[in-house]
Amino acid sequence: MSKLLLATNNPGKVEEIMEITHDWGVEILTPAQIGVHLEIKETGHTYAENAALKARAFAQAGRVLSMADDSGLEVDALDGKPGLYSARFSPLPGASDADRRAYLLEQLRSHARPWTACFRCVIAIVSPDGETRFAEGVCPGEIISEERGDNGFGYDPIFLLPDLGLTMAQLPMEVKNQLSHRARAVRAARQKLTEFRRN
């Protein structure tokens, strides 16, 4: 059976990706399962560069095909910010997800609503010898000022899906794994995986 290492230490991402990939016919591995412990600094200037940095490091350390993602929230009123810096979008040292959400809403307060936005995710799949493939997923929506829902993480409680009238954090996991930016990118990555098998 083919093996694919999830190049992340984020338990929320692991849970989402495991759910989406359960029927791929591939053995999905986590870094803890194979004893790989890495902390990769995201020094790239694009989502693709950051995803490739992480996937490449884990692929070389584990000697196994590895998949990593980088994602961000892009808010139109803020010219695409926080974008690449979504996980670090707060002046507070050691900021929590709640701190970042509060800071984002503070930045938006002077802007007219609706605060249209999208979540964007880019996935890199890298082989131990450095062969690389990319896939992308986008989920449009808007930012709201009141938090709703207990599922998800990051900006999910204030990211509204207007067609559903629900935030990302209000969605059951099975629905989120059909609609989210990461779900769309992971599904697109499945085709890229078959390219490695052919080569």
Protein backbone atom coordinates (compact mmCIF):
# COMPACT_ATOMS: atom_id res chain seq x y z
CA MET A 1 0.00 0.00 0.00
CA SER A 2 1.22 3.50 -0.80
CA LYS A 3 2.03 5.73 2.14
CA LEU A 4 1.49 9.45 2.59
CA LEU A 5 2.81 11.47 5.51
CA LEU A 6 0.80 14.46 6.73
CA ALA A 7 3.49 17.07 7.24
CA THR A 8 1.82 18.92 10.09
CA ASN A 9 1.79 19.00 13.88
CA ASN A 10 -1.65 20.67 13.95
CA PRO A 11 -4.21 18.20 15.38
CA GLY A 12 -7.12 20.09 13.81
CA LYS A 13 -5.63 19.73 10.34
CA VAL A 14 -4.82 16.07 10.94
CA GLU A 15 -8.41 15.34 11.93
CA GLU A 16 -9.85 17.13 8.90
CA ILE A 17 -7.47 15.54 6.41
CA MET A 18 -7.85 12.04 7.87
CA GLU A 19 -11.61 12.32 7.45
CA ILE A 20 -11.31 13.41 3.81
CA THR A 21 -8.68 10.84 2.80
CA HIS A 22 -10.13 7.76 4.54
CA ASP A 23 -11.18 6.15 1.25
CA TRP A 24 -8.09 6.94 -0.82
CA GLY A 25 -6.56 3.47 -0.52
CA VAL A 26 -3.40 5.08 0.88
CA GLU A 27 -1.90 4.57 4.32
CA ILE A 28 -1.99 8.02 5.92
CA LEU A 29 0.79 8.59 8.43
CA THR A 30 1.35 11.31 11.02
CA PRO A 31 4.80 12.54 12.09
CA ALA A 32 4.32 11.08 15.59
CA GLN A 33 3.66 7.62 14.13
CA ILE A 34 7.03 7.51 12.39
CA GLY A 35 9.01 9.43 15.01
CA VAL A 36 9.60 12.58 12.99
CA HIS A 37 9.63 15.77 15.05
CA LEU A 38 10.14 18.95 13.04
CA GLU A 39 9.17 22.59 13.47
CA ILE A 40 9.46 24.32 10.11
CA LYS A 41 9.58 28.10 9.91
CA GLU A 42 7.26 29.45 7.24
CA THR A 43 9.70 31.78 5.51
CA GLY A 44 8.15 31.59 2.03
CA HIS A 45 6.49 34.52 0.29
CA THR A 46 3.51 32.51 -0.99
CA TYR A 47 1.26 29.73 0.29
CA ALA A 48 2.90 27.38 -2.23
CA GLU A 49 6.40 28.16 -1.00
CA ASN A 50 5.46 27.57 2.63
CA ALA A 51 3.63 24.34 1.85
CA ALA A 52 6.59 23.06 -0.17
CA LEU A 53 9.05 23.98 2.60
CA LYS A 54 7.13 21.86 5.09
CA ALA A 55 6.42 18.93 2.78
CA ARG A 56 10.01 18.78 1.56
CA ALA A 57 11.47 18.74 5.08
CA PHE A 58 9.14 15.97 6.26
CA ALA A 59 9.64 13.94 3.06
CA GLN A 60 13.41 14.02 3.52
CA ALA A 61 13.27 13.28 7.25
CA GLY A 62 10.76 10.44 6.93
CA ARG A 63 11.87 9.18 3.49
CA VAL A 64 8.22 9.01 2.46
CA LEU A 65 5.90 10.96 0.17
CA SER A 66 4.64 13.91 2.23
CA MET A 67 1.77 16.36 1.99
CA ALA A 68 1.65 19.80 3.62
CA ASP A 69 -0.63 22.76 3.27
CA ASP A 70 -0.50 26.46 3.88
CA SER A 71 -3.66 28.44 4.09
CA GLY A 72 -4.99 31.80 5.03
CA LEU A 73 -7.96 34.09 5.30
CA GLU A 74 -8.11 36.84 2.67
CA VAL A 75 -10.42 39.76 3.48
CA ASP A 76 -11.28 42.07 0.58
CA ALA A 77 -11.65 45.21 2.72
CA LEU A 78 -8.11 44.65 4.05
CA ASP A 79 -6.60 44.15 0.58
CA GLY A 80 -6.27 40.41 1.09
CA LYS A 81 -4.93 40.50 4.63
CA PRO A 82 -4.23 38.66 6.85
CA GLY A 83 -3.48 36.16 4.04
CA LEU A 84 -0.12 34.49 4.43
CA TYR A 85 0.14 35.81 7.99
CA SER A 86 -3.27 34.60 9.21
CA ALA A 87 -1.78 32.46 11.99
CA ARG A 88 0.33 35.38 13.21
CA PHE A 89 -2.18 38.21 12.73
CA SER A 90 -2.03 39.87 16.14
CA PRO A 91 0.36 42.25 17.87
CA LEU A 92 0.07 40.21 21.07
CA PRO A 93 2.92 37.80 21.85
CA GLY A 94 1.63 34.25 22.08
CA ALA A 95 -1.75 35.31 20.68
CA SER A 96 -4.59 32.77 20.73
CA ASP A 97 -7.12 32.14 17.98
CA ALA A 98 -9.56 34.32 19.91
CA ASP A 99 -6.98 37.13 20.05
CA ARG A 100 -6.50 36.96 16.29
CA ARG A 101 -10.24 37.02 15.65
CA ALA A 102 -10.63 40.05 17.91
CA TYR A 103 -7.77 41.87 16.20
CA LEU A 104 -9.23 41.16 12.76
CA LEU A 105 -12.62 42.54 13.77
CA GLU A 106 -10.92 45.61 15.20
CA GLN A 107 -9.23 46.21 11.83
CA LEU A 108 -12.56 45.85 10.03
CA ARG A 109 -14.64 48.09 12.28
CA SER A 110 -14.19 51.20 10.10
CA HIS A 111 -15.00 49.38 6.84
CA ALA A 112 -18.46 49.05 5.29
CA ARG A 113 -20.15 45.66 5.42
CA PRO A 114 -20.48 43.03 4.12
CA TRP A 115 -16.88 42.07 4.81
CA THR A 116 -16.41 39.64 1.93
CA ALA A 117 -13.56 37.21 2.24
CA CYS A 118 -12.28 33.79 1.26
CA PHE A 119 -10.25 31.03 2.80
CA ARG A 120 -7.48 29.83 0.46
CA CYS A 121 -5.43 26.64 0.83
CA VAL A 122 -2.48 25.42 -1.23
CA ILE A 123 -1.20 21.88 -0.81
CA ALA A 124 2.24 20.60 -1.76
CA ILE A 125 2.98 16.91 -2.18
CA VAL A 126 6.71 16.18 -2.22
CA SER A 127 8.57 12.91 -2.74
CA PRO A 128 11.79 12.10 -0.84
CA ASP A 129 13.78 12.99 -3.97
CA GLY A 130 12.13 16.40 -4.21
CA GLU A 131 9.52 15.89 -6.92
CA THR A 132 6.70 18.34 -6.14
CA ARG A 133 3.05 18.78 -7.09
CA PHE A 134 0.61 21.49 -5.98
CA ALA A 135 -3.17 21.71 -5.54
CA GLU A 136 -5.38 24.60 -4.44
CA GLY A 137 -8.80 25.11 -2.89
CA VAL A 138 -10.81 28.29 -2.22
CA CYS A 139 -13.93 28.81 -0.11
CA PRO A 140 -15.73 32.18 -0.46
CA GLY A 141 -17.72 33.76 2.36
CA GLU A 142 -17.81 36.81 4.59
CA ILE A 143 -16.65 37.89 8.03
CA ILE A 144 -19.27 38.57 10.70
CA SER A 145 -18.79 40.38 14.00
CA GLU A 146 -20.37 37.81 16.32
CA GLU A 147 -18.84 34.40 16.90
CA ARG A 148 -21.01 31.37 16.16
CA GLY A 149 -20.31 27.68 16.59
CA ASP A 150 -17.93 25.47 18.52
CA ASN A 151 -16.46 23.33 15.73
CA GLY A 152 -13.32 24.14 13.82
CA PHE A 153 -10.50 26.46 14.82
CA GLY A 154 -8.81 29.70 13.76
CA TYR A 155 -11.22 32.12 12.11
CA ASP A 156 -13.99 29.54 11.61
CA PRO A 157 -16.42 31.07 14.17
CA ILE A 158 -16.57 34.42 12.32
CA PHE A 159 -16.43 33.09 8.73
CA LEU A 160 -19.98 32.95 7.37
CA LEU A 161 -21.10 30.86 4.41
CA PRO A 162 -23.95 33.11 3.18
CA ASP A 163 -25.74 30.41 1.16
CA LEU A 164 -26.07 28.27 4.29
CA GLY A 165 -26.44 31.07 6.84
CA LEU A 166 -23.88 29.24 9.01
CA THR A 167 -20.31 29.89 10.02
CA MET A 168 -17.58 27.36 9.30
CA ALA A 169 -17.58 26.58 13.05
CA GLN A 170 -21.30 25.67 12.96
CA LEU A 171 -20.91 23.03 10.28
CA PRO A 172 -20.83 19.33 11.14
CA MET A 173 -17.47 17.83 10.20
CA GLU A 174 -18.97 15.87 7.29
CA VAL A 175 -20.33 19.10 5.76
CA LYS A 176 -17.18 21.11 6.43
CA ASN A 177 -15.20 18.38 4.71
CA GLN A 178 -17.20 18.99 1.54
CA LEU A 179 -17.05 22.79 1.51
CA SER A 180 -13.90 24.05 3.21
CA HIS A 181 -10.88 25.41 1.37
CA ARG A 182 -8.74 22.62 2.82
CA ALA A 183 -11.25 19.96 1.78
CA ARG A 184 -11.28 21.29 -1.78
CA ALA A 185 -7.50 21.43 -1.91
CA VAL A 186 -7.14 17.92 -0.48
CA ARG A 187 -9.59 16.52 -3.04
CA ALA A 188 -7.65 18.26 -5.81
CA ALA A 189 -4.46 16.76 -4.39
CA ARG A 190 -5.80 13.25 -4.87
CA GLN A 191 -5.29 13.55 -8.62
CA LYS A 192 -1.73 14.80 -8.04
CA LEU A 193 -1.06 11.71 -5.96
CA THR A 194 -1.87 9.49 -8.92
CA GLU A 195 0.78 11.33 -10.95
CA PHE A 196 3.45 10.15 -8.53
CA ARG A 197 2.16 6.59 -8.85
CA ARG A 198 2.47 6.74 -12.64
CA ASN A 199 6.01 8.14 -12.62
